[in-house]
Amino acid sequence: MTDIAPFAAWDELSPTAREERTARVVVVGAESTGKTTLTQDLVKHYRSRGGIWKNTLWVSEFGRDYTVRKIADLGISFDDDAEFRSADWTSRDFAVIALEQQRLENVAASAGSPVLFCDTDALATQVWERRYLGNESTAAREAVPTLPPRALYLLTDHRDVMFTQDGIRDGEQFRPTMTQWFVDELKLHGERGQFVRGDRAQRLAECIALIDGVLAERAAQL
C-alpha cells in the first residue's frame, strides 16, 4: 500500500496545485475491452484506502455520451440489442469531444486525491477520429495539441475480453487494428504505457501494483 505520509498535506493544496501534481492514469483501448470496468474497479480500490484516497475521482468517456445524443438527434432508435448505425461523424465532432474530455479531466484533477483515473482522453479521441474519418482528419489533435503530463497509460488488450454489443458499438472487426494504433500513438508521444491482460481480477491486481509504483516515485520527489 502506498505510504500516505508524503501526501499528508494534499488536502491543503490549492486546486491549481492539485491539478499540476495529480498523477493522471489513463485507460485506453479498442471497443469492448473492459476499459470502464477497470477504471471503476481502480477507483473503488483506492477510495477504500480511506484518508485522502477516499476522494479519488474518475473521468468518464464523454465521447460515449456525445454519441448517444448525436444518434438521438438524428432520430435513430436503438436498444441494447441493436446494431449501431452511422452517426454521420464530422471533424468538428471530434474537436468538441477532445476539448470537453480535456476540460473534464482538468476539473477532476483539481478536486480529487493524488491519483486520477481517466476512462479515455483527448489522445484516444485522435485515434477514434482516425478510425471514423481517416488519417487526413486531425481536428482532435488541433483542438488539444498539448496534453498535461500523464503518469501512466493502461492499454486494455482486446484478446482477453469478448466483444459485447451495447447498442452503439460497431467496431468488433477493428479491435486488433485499433489496439495497434494505440500502441503506435503511445510510442510516438513517448508516453509511459502498459498492456493490461488477463481476467478482471488479474488486470486489477497488476494495475494496482503499477500505480502504487508510480505513486511511490512521486512521493519520493516531494
C-alpha atoms as a PDB file:
ATOM      1  CA  MET A   1       0.000   0.000   0.000  1.00  0.00           C
ATOM      2  CA  THR A   2       1.194   3.488  -0.861  1.00  0.00           C
ATOM      3  CA  ASP A   3       2.572   5.420   2.101  1.00  0.00           C
ATOM      4  CA  ILE A   4       0.232   8.330   2.784  1.00  0.00           C
ATOM      5  CA  ALA A   5       2.830  10.388   4.665  1.00  0.00           C
ATOM      6  CA  PRO A   6       4.328  12.231   1.649  1.00  0.00           C
ATOM      7  CA  PHE A   7       0.801  13.221   0.589  1.00  0.00           C
ATOM      8  CA  ALA A   8      -0.391  14.201   4.062  1.00  0.00           C
ATOM      9  CA  ALA A   9      -0.787  17.881   3.135  1.00  0.00           C
ATOM     10  CA  TRP A  10      -2.690  17.118  -0.065  1.00  0.00           C
ATOM     11  CA  ASP A  11      -5.995  18.495   1.196  1.00  0.00           C
ATOM     12  CA  GLU A  12      -4.294  21.797   1.952  1.00  0.00           C
ATOM     13  CA  LEU A  13      -3.164  22.321  -1.640  1.00  0.00           C
ATOM     14  CA  SER A  14      -4.923  24.809  -3.872  1.00  0.00           C
ATOM     15  CA  PRO A  15      -6.963  23.470  -6.803  1.00  0.00           C
ATOM     16  CA  THR A  16      -4.282  24.719  -9.185  1.00  0.00           C
ATOM     17  CA  ALA A  17      -1.536  22.888  -7.286  1.00  0.00           C
ATOM     18  CA  ARG A  18      -3.554  19.689  -7.238  1.00  0.00           C
ATOM     19  CA  GLU A  19      -4.207  19.924 -10.962  1.00  0.00           C
ATOM     20  CA  GLU A  20      -0.480  20.205 -11.582  1.00  0.00           C
ATOM     21  CA  ARG A  21       0.549  17.389  -9.218  1.00  0.00           C
ATOM     22  CA  THR A  22      -2.172  14.779  -9.652  1.00  0.00           C
ATOM     23  CA  ALA A  23      -0.997  11.505 -11.152  1.00  0.00           C
ATOM     24  CA  ARG A  24      -3.227  11.064 -14.184  1.00  0.00           C
ATOM     25  CA  VAL A  25      -3.749   7.423 -15.066  1.00  0.00           C
ATOM     26  CA  VAL A  26      -5.485   6.992 -18.417  1.00  0.00           C
ATOM     27  CA  VAL A  27      -7.197   3.784 -19.533  1.00  0.00           C
ATOM     28  CA  VAL A  28      -7.402   3.359 -23.307  1.00  0.00           C
ATOM     29  CA  GLY A  29      -8.232   0.582 -25.721  1.00  0.00           C
ATOM     30  CA  ALA A  30     -10.469  -0.609 -28.513  1.00  0.00           C
ATOM     31  CA  GLU A  31     -14.216  -1.129 -28.153  1.00  0.00           C
ATOM     32  CA  SER A  32     -15.470  -3.554 -25.536  1.00  0.00           C
ATOM     33  CA  THR A  33     -12.100  -4.307 -23.954  1.00  0.00           C
ATOM     34  CA  GLY A  34     -13.002  -3.619 -20.322  1.00  0.00           C
ATOM     35  CA  LYS A  35     -11.830  -0.009 -20.033  1.00  0.00           C
ATOM     36  CA  THR A  36     -14.726   1.280 -17.967  1.00  0.00           C
ATOM     37  CA  THR A  37     -14.847  -1.804 -15.754  1.00  0.00           C
ATOM     38  CA  LEU A  38     -11.143  -1.497 -14.988  1.00  0.00           C
ATOM     39  CA  THR A  39     -11.407   2.237 -14.327  1.00  0.00           C
ATOM     40  CA  GLN A  40     -14.290   1.796 -11.905  1.00  0.00           C
ATOM     41  CA  ASP A  41     -12.559  -1.106 -10.128  1.00  0.00           C
ATOM     42  CA  LEU A  42      -9.450   1.017  -9.632  1.00  0.00           C
ATOM     43  CA  VAL A  43     -11.441   3.933  -8.253  1.00  0.00           C
ATOM     44  CA  LYS A  44     -13.267   1.645  -5.835  1.00  0.00           C
ATOM     45  CA  HIS A  45      -9.975   0.151  -4.643  1.00  0.00           C
ATOM     46  CA  TYR A  46      -8.239   3.465  -3.993  1.00  0.00           C
ATOM     47  CA  ARG A  47     -11.263   5.005  -2.323  1.00  0.00           C
ATOM     48  CA  SER A  48     -11.381   2.018   0.022  1.00  0.00           C
ATOM     49  CA  ARG A  49      -7.972   3.016   1.399  1.00  0.00           C
ATOM     50  CA  GLY A  50      -9.577   5.961   3.151  1.00  0.00           C
ATOM     51  CA  GLY A  51      -7.919   9.206   4.159  1.00  0.00           C
ATOM     52  CA  ILE A  52      -7.019  11.392   1.205  1.00  0.00           C
ATOM     53  CA  TRP A  53      -7.652   8.452  -1.132  1.00  0.00           C
ATOM     54  CA  LYS A  54     -11.384   8.361  -0.382  1.00  0.00           C
ATOM     55  CA  ASN A  55     -11.778  11.335  -2.713  1.00  0.00           C
ATOM     56  CA  THR A  56     -10.246   9.528  -5.688  1.00  0.00           C
ATOM     57  CA  LEU A  57     -12.128  10.587  -8.816  1.00  0.00           C
ATOM     58  CA  TRP A  58     -12.587   9.282 -12.334  1.00  0.00           C
ATOM     59  CA  VAL A  59     -13.429  10.938 -15.629  1.00  0.00           C
ATOM     60  CA  SER A  60     -15.954   9.072 -17.738  1.00  0.00           C
ATOM     61  CA  GLU A  61     -15.892   8.840 -21.526  1.00  0.00           C
ATOM     62  CA  PHE A  62     -17.548  11.999 -22.807  1.00  0.00           C
ATOM     63  CA  GLY A  63     -17.468  10.659 -26.365  1.00  0.00           C
ATOM     64  CA  ARG A  64     -19.941   7.939 -25.450  1.00  0.00           C
ATOM     65  CA  ASP A  65     -22.469  10.432 -24.068  1.00  0.00           C
ATOM     66  CA  TYR A  66     -21.910  12.587 -27.135  1.00  0.00           C
ATOM     67  CA  THR A  67     -22.554   9.597 -29.409  1.00  0.00           C
ATOM     68  CA  VAL A  68     -25.821   8.754 -27.694  1.00  0.00           C
ATOM     69  CA  ARG A  69     -27.015  12.349 -28.040  1.00  0.00           C
ATOM     70  CA  LYS A  70     -25.916  12.513 -31.664  1.00  0.00           C
ATOM     71  CA  ILE A  71     -27.808   9.350 -32.548  1.00  0.00           C
ATOM     72  CA  ALA A  72     -30.889  10.663 -30.776  1.00  0.00           C
ATOM     73  CA  ASP A  73     -30.632  13.987 -32.632  1.00  0.00           C
ATOM     74  CA  LEU A  74     -30.598  12.042 -35.914  1.00  0.00           C
ATOM     75  CA  GLY A  75     -33.818  10.322 -34.893  1.00  0.00           C
ATOM     76  CA  ILE A  76     -32.243   6.866 -34.829  1.00  0.00           C
ATOM     77  CA  SER A  77     -33.836   4.482 -32.360  1.00  0.00           C
ATOM     78  CA  PHE A  78     -31.790   1.722 -30.802  1.00  0.00           C
ATOM     79  CA  ASP A  79     -31.743  -0.651 -27.854  1.00  0.00           C
ATOM     80  CA  ASP A  80     -29.146  -2.880 -26.224  1.00  0.00           C
ATOM     81  CA  ASP A  81     -29.536  -5.496 -28.951  1.00  0.00           C
ATOM     82  CA  ALA A  82     -29.430  -3.097 -31.859  1.00  0.00           C
ATOM     83  CA  GLU A  83     -26.647  -2.682 -34.362  1.00  0.00           C
ATOM     84  CA  PHE A  84     -25.094   0.741 -34.354  1.00  0.00           C
ATOM     85  CA  ARG A  85     -25.821   2.882 -37.375  1.00  0.00           C
ATOM     86  CA  SER A  86     -23.675   5.721 -38.654  1.00  0.00           C
ATOM     87  CA  ALA A  87     -23.892   8.901 -36.613  1.00  0.00           C
ATOM     88  CA  ASP A  88     -22.572  10.917 -39.564  1.00  0.00           C
ATOM     89  CA  TRP A  89     -19.346  11.976 -37.867  1.00  0.00           C
ATOM     90  CA  THR A  90     -17.571  15.218 -38.765  1.00  0.00           C
ATOM     91  CA  SER A  91     -14.186  16.648 -37.810  1.00  0.00           C
ATOM     92  CA  ARG A  92     -15.939  19.176 -35.610  1.00  0.00           C
ATOM     93  CA  ASP A  93     -17.455  16.361 -33.541  1.00  0.00           C
ATOM     94  CA  PHE A  94     -14.029  15.078 -32.577  1.00  0.00           C
ATOM     95  CA  ALA A  95     -12.742  18.554 -31.770  1.00  0.00           C
ATOM     96  CA  VAL A  96     -15.706  19.084 -29.443  1.00  0.00           C
ATOM     97  CA  ILE A  97     -15.176  15.696 -27.784  1.00  0.00           C
ATOM     98  CA  ALA A  98     -11.436  16.235 -27.298  1.00  0.00           C
ATOM     99  CA  LEU A  99     -11.893  19.683 -25.781  1.00  0.00           C
ATOM    100  CA  GLU A 100     -14.614  18.607 -23.386  1.00  0.00           C
ATOM    101  CA  GLN A 101     -12.774  15.424 -22.375  1.00  0.00           C
ATOM    102  CA  GLN A 102      -9.724  17.512 -21.500  1.00  0.00           C
ATOM    103  CA  ARG A 103     -11.790  20.086 -19.636  1.00  0.00           C
ATOM    104  CA  LEU A 104     -13.468  17.417 -17.523  1.00  0.00           C
ATOM    105  CA  GLU A 105     -10.094  15.836 -16.790  1.00  0.00           C
ATOM    106  CA  ASN A 106      -8.573  19.105 -15.608  1.00  0.00           C
ATOM    107  CA  VAL A 107     -11.542  19.875 -13.369  1.00  0.00           C
ATOM    108  CA  ALA A 108     -11.306  16.443 -11.746  1.00  0.00           C
ATOM    109  CA  ALA A 109      -7.531  16.714 -11.321  1.00  0.00           C
ATOM    110  CA  SER A 110      -8.013  19.915  -9.330  1.00  0.00           C
ATOM    111  CA  ALA A 111     -10.516  18.391  -6.920  1.00  0.00           C
ATOM    112  CA  GLY A 112      -9.593  14.806  -6.089  1.00  0.00           C
ATOM    113  CA  SER A 113      -6.909  12.671  -4.472  1.00  0.00           C
ATOM    114  CA  PRO A 114      -3.273  12.361  -5.622  1.00  0.00           C
ATOM    115  CA  VAL A 115      -4.375   9.943  -8.370  1.00  0.00           C
ATOM    116  CA  LEU A 116      -6.998  10.483 -11.066  1.00  0.00           C
ATOM    117  CA  PHE A 117      -8.400   7.776 -13.332  1.00  0.00           C
ATOM    118  CA  CYS A 118      -9.470   8.706 -16.838  1.00  0.00           C
ATOM    119  CA  ASP A 119     -11.651   6.439 -18.965  1.00  0.00           C
ATOM    120  CA  THR A 120     -10.062   7.611 -22.256  1.00  0.00           C
ATOM    121  CA  ASP A 121      -8.623  11.070 -23.059  1.00  0.00           C
ATOM    122  CA  ALA A 122      -8.020  13.557 -25.854  1.00  0.00           C
ATOM    123  CA  LEU A 123      -5.205  11.419 -27.286  1.00  0.00           C
ATOM    124  CA  ALA A 124      -7.578   8.466 -27.560  1.00  0.00           C
ATOM    125  CA  THR A 125     -10.061  10.770 -29.284  1.00  0.00           C
ATOM    126  CA  GLN A 126      -7.465  11.267 -32.005  1.00  0.00           C
ATOM    127  CA  VAL A 127      -7.373   7.514 -32.547  1.00  0.00           C
ATOM    128  CA  TRP A 128     -11.173   7.357 -32.804  1.00  0.00           C
ATOM    129  CA  GLU A 129     -11.131  10.217 -35.289  1.00  0.00           C
ATOM    130  CA  ARG A 130      -8.687   8.243 -37.389  1.00  0.00           C
ATOM    131  CA  ARG A 131     -10.996   5.227 -37.159  1.00  0.00           C
ATOM    132  CA  TYR A 132     -14.017   7.105 -38.498  1.00  0.00           C
ATOM    133  CA  LEU A 133     -12.570   9.847 -40.701  1.00  0.00           C
ATOM    134  CA  GLY A 134      -9.135   8.627 -41.750  1.00  0.00           C
ATOM    135  CA  ASN A 135      -5.604   9.909 -41.337  1.00  0.00           C
ATOM    136  CA  GLU A 136      -6.316  13.199 -43.068  1.00  0.00           C
ATOM    137  CA  SER A 137      -8.651  14.388 -40.292  1.00  0.00           C
ATOM    138  CA  THR A 138      -6.738  15.941 -37.385  1.00  0.00           C
ATOM    139  CA  ALA A 139      -9.350  18.064 -35.610  1.00  0.00           C
ATOM    140  CA  ALA A 140      -8.923  16.428 -32.191  1.00  0.00           C
ATOM    141  CA  ARG A 141      -5.149  16.892 -32.291  1.00  0.00           C
ATOM    142  CA  GLU A 142      -5.519  20.514 -33.332  1.00  0.00           C
ATOM    143  CA  ALA A 143      -8.123  21.157 -30.630  1.00  0.00           C
ATOM    144  CA  VAL A 144      -5.889  19.753 -27.872  1.00  0.00           C
ATOM    145  CA  PRO A 145      -2.327  19.957 -29.232  1.00  0.00           C
ATOM    146  CA  THR A 146      -0.664  19.528 -25.835  1.00  0.00           C
ATOM    147  CA  LEU A 147      -1.741  17.201 -23.047  1.00  0.00           C
ATOM    148  CA  PRO A 148      -0.939  17.617 -19.353  1.00  0.00           C
ATOM    149  CA  PRO A 149       1.717  15.136 -18.188  1.00  0.00           C
ATOM    150  CA  ARG A 150       0.421  11.598 -17.839  1.00  0.00           C
ATOM    151  CA  ALA A 151       1.646   9.321 -15.077  1.00  0.00           C
ATOM    152  CA  LEU A 152       0.653   6.135 -16.864  1.00  0.00           C
ATOM    153  CA  TYR A 153      -1.412   4.784 -19.731  1.00  0.00           C
ATOM    154  CA  LEU A 154      -3.123   1.423 -19.305  1.00  0.00           C
ATOM    155  CA  LEU A 155      -3.944  -0.243 -22.638  1.00  0.00           C
ATOM    156  CA  THR A 156      -6.605  -2.943 -22.347  1.00  0.00           C
ATOM    157  CA  ASP A 157      -5.903  -5.932 -24.598  1.00  0.00           C
ATOM    158  CA  HIS A 158      -8.843  -6.882 -26.853  1.00  0.00           C
ATOM    159  CA  ARG A 159      -7.874 -10.566 -26.835  1.00  0.00           C
ATOM    160  CA  ASP A 160      -8.979 -11.094 -23.232  1.00  0.00           C
ATOM    161  CA  VAL A 161     -12.495  -9.657 -23.456  1.00  0.00           C
ATOM    162  CA  MET A 162     -15.350 -10.918 -25.612  1.00  0.00           C
ATOM    163  CA  PHE A 163     -16.989  -8.238 -27.742  1.00  0.00           C
ATOM    164  CA  THR A 164     -20.374  -7.251 -26.332  1.00  0.00           C
ATOM    165  CA  GLN A 165     -22.863  -5.207 -28.312  1.00  0.00           C
ATOM    166  CA  ASP A 166     -24.416  -2.412 -26.258  1.00  0.00           C
ATOM    167  CA  GLY A 167     -26.466  -0.710 -28.934  1.00  0.00           C
ATOM    168  CA  ILE A 168     -23.884   1.772 -30.226  1.00  0.00           C
ATOM    169  CA  ARG A 169     -20.721  -0.268 -30.752  1.00  0.00           C
ATOM    170  CA  ASP A 170     -19.809  -1.047 -34.342  1.00  0.00           C
ATOM    171  CA  GLY A 171     -16.143  -1.986 -34.425  1.00  0.00           C
ATOM    172  CA  GLU A 172     -15.589  -5.599 -33.402  1.00  0.00           C
ATOM    173  CA  GLN A 173     -13.610  -6.278 -36.572  1.00  0.00           C
ATOM    174  CA  PHE A 174     -11.466  -3.182 -35.944  1.00  0.00           C
ATOM    175  CA  ARG A 175     -10.333  -4.142 -32.447  1.00  0.00           C
ATOM    176  CA  PRO A 176      -6.922  -5.633 -33.402  1.00  0.00           C
ATOM    177  CA  THR A 177      -6.155  -2.676 -35.654  1.00  0.00           C
ATOM    178  CA  MET A 178      -7.159  -0.121 -33.035  1.00  0.00           C
ATOM    179  CA  THR A 179      -5.124  -1.857 -30.346  1.00  0.00           C
ATOM    180  CA  GLN A 180      -2.068  -1.474 -32.565  1.00  0.00           C
ATOM    181  CA  TRP A 181      -2.910   2.157 -33.254  1.00  0.00           C
ATOM    182  CA  PHE A 182      -2.925   2.842 -29.536  1.00  0.00           C
ATOM    183  CA  VAL A 183       0.466   1.140 -29.205  1.00  0.00           C
ATOM    184  CA  ASP A 184       1.804   3.270 -32.043  1.00  0.00           C
ATOM    185  CA  GLU A 185       0.424   6.537 -30.625  1.00  0.00           C
ATOM    186  CA  LEU A 186       1.828   5.942 -27.154  1.00  0.00           C
ATOM    187  CA  LYS A 187       5.243   5.187 -28.635  1.00  0.00           C
ATOM    188  CA  LEU A 188       5.055   8.223 -30.917  1.00  0.00           C
ATOM    189  CA  HIS A 189       4.340  10.533 -27.983  1.00  0.00           C
ATOM    190  CA  GLY A 190       6.853   8.839 -25.693  1.00  0.00           C
ATOM    191  CA  GLU A 191       4.201   8.008 -23.107  1.00  0.00           C
ATOM    192  CA  ARG A 192       4.655   5.519 -20.305  1.00  0.00           C
ATOM    193  CA  GLY A 193       2.235   2.716 -21.078  1.00  0.00           C
ATOM    194  CA  GLN A 194       1.451  -0.840 -20.086  1.00  0.00           C
ATOM    195  CA  PHE A 195      -0.581  -3.545 -21.784  1.00  0.00           C
ATOM    196  CA  VAL A 196      -3.252  -4.868 -19.429  1.00  0.00           C
ATOM    197  CA  ARG A 197      -4.011  -8.563 -19.868  1.00  0.00           C
ATOM    198  CA  GLY A 198      -5.846 -11.347 -18.075  1.00  0.00           C
ATOM    199  CA  ASP A 199      -9.207 -11.642 -16.391  1.00  0.00           C
ATOM    200  CA  ARG A 200     -10.812  -8.901 -14.323  1.00  0.00           C
ATOM    201  CA  ALA A 201      -9.057  -9.797 -11.065  1.00  0.00           C
ATOM    202  CA  GLN A 202      -5.671 -10.206 -12.757  1.00  0.00           C
ATOM    203  CA  ARG A 203      -5.981  -6.871 -14.506  1.00  0.00           C
ATOM    204  CA  LEU A 204      -6.898  -5.070 -11.310  1.00  0.00           C
ATOM    205  CA  ALA A 205      -4.061  -6.581  -9.288  1.00  0.00           C
ATOM    206  CA  GLU A 206      -1.486  -5.817 -11.979  1.00  0.00           C
ATOM    207  CA  CYS A 207      -2.663  -2.228 -12.348  1.00  0.00           C
ATOM    208  CA  ILE A 208      -2.694  -1.552  -8.615  1.00  0.00           C
ATOM    209  CA  ALA A 209       0.923  -2.693  -8.408  1.00  0.00           C
ATOM    210  CA  LEU A 210       1.881  -0.443 -11.325  1.00  0.00           C
ATOM    211  CA  ILE A 211       0.056   2.586  -9.962  1.00  0.00           C
ATOM    212  CA  ASP A 212       1.432   2.136  -6.459  1.00  0.00           C
ATOM    213  CA  GLY A 213       4.876   2.123  -8.025  1.00  0.00           C
ATOM    214  CA  VAL A 214       4.131   5.384  -9.830  1.00  0.00           C
ATOM    215  CA  LEU A 215       2.796   6.977  -6.655  1.00  0.00           C
ATOM    216  CA  ALA A 216       5.853   5.830  -4.704  1.00  0.00           C
ATOM    217  CA  GLU A 217       8.083   7.504  -7.296  1.00  0.00           C
ATOM    218  CA  ARG A 218       6.128  10.726  -6.948  1.00  0.00           C
ATOM    219  CA  ALA A 219       6.177  10.564  -3.163  1.00  0.00           C
ATOM    220  CA  ALA A 220       9.965  10.267  -3.226  1.00  0.00           C
ATOM    221  CA  GLN A 221      10.133  13.515  -5.185  1.00  0.00           C
ATOM    222  CA  LEU A 222       8.037  15.517  -2.723  1.00  0.00           C
END
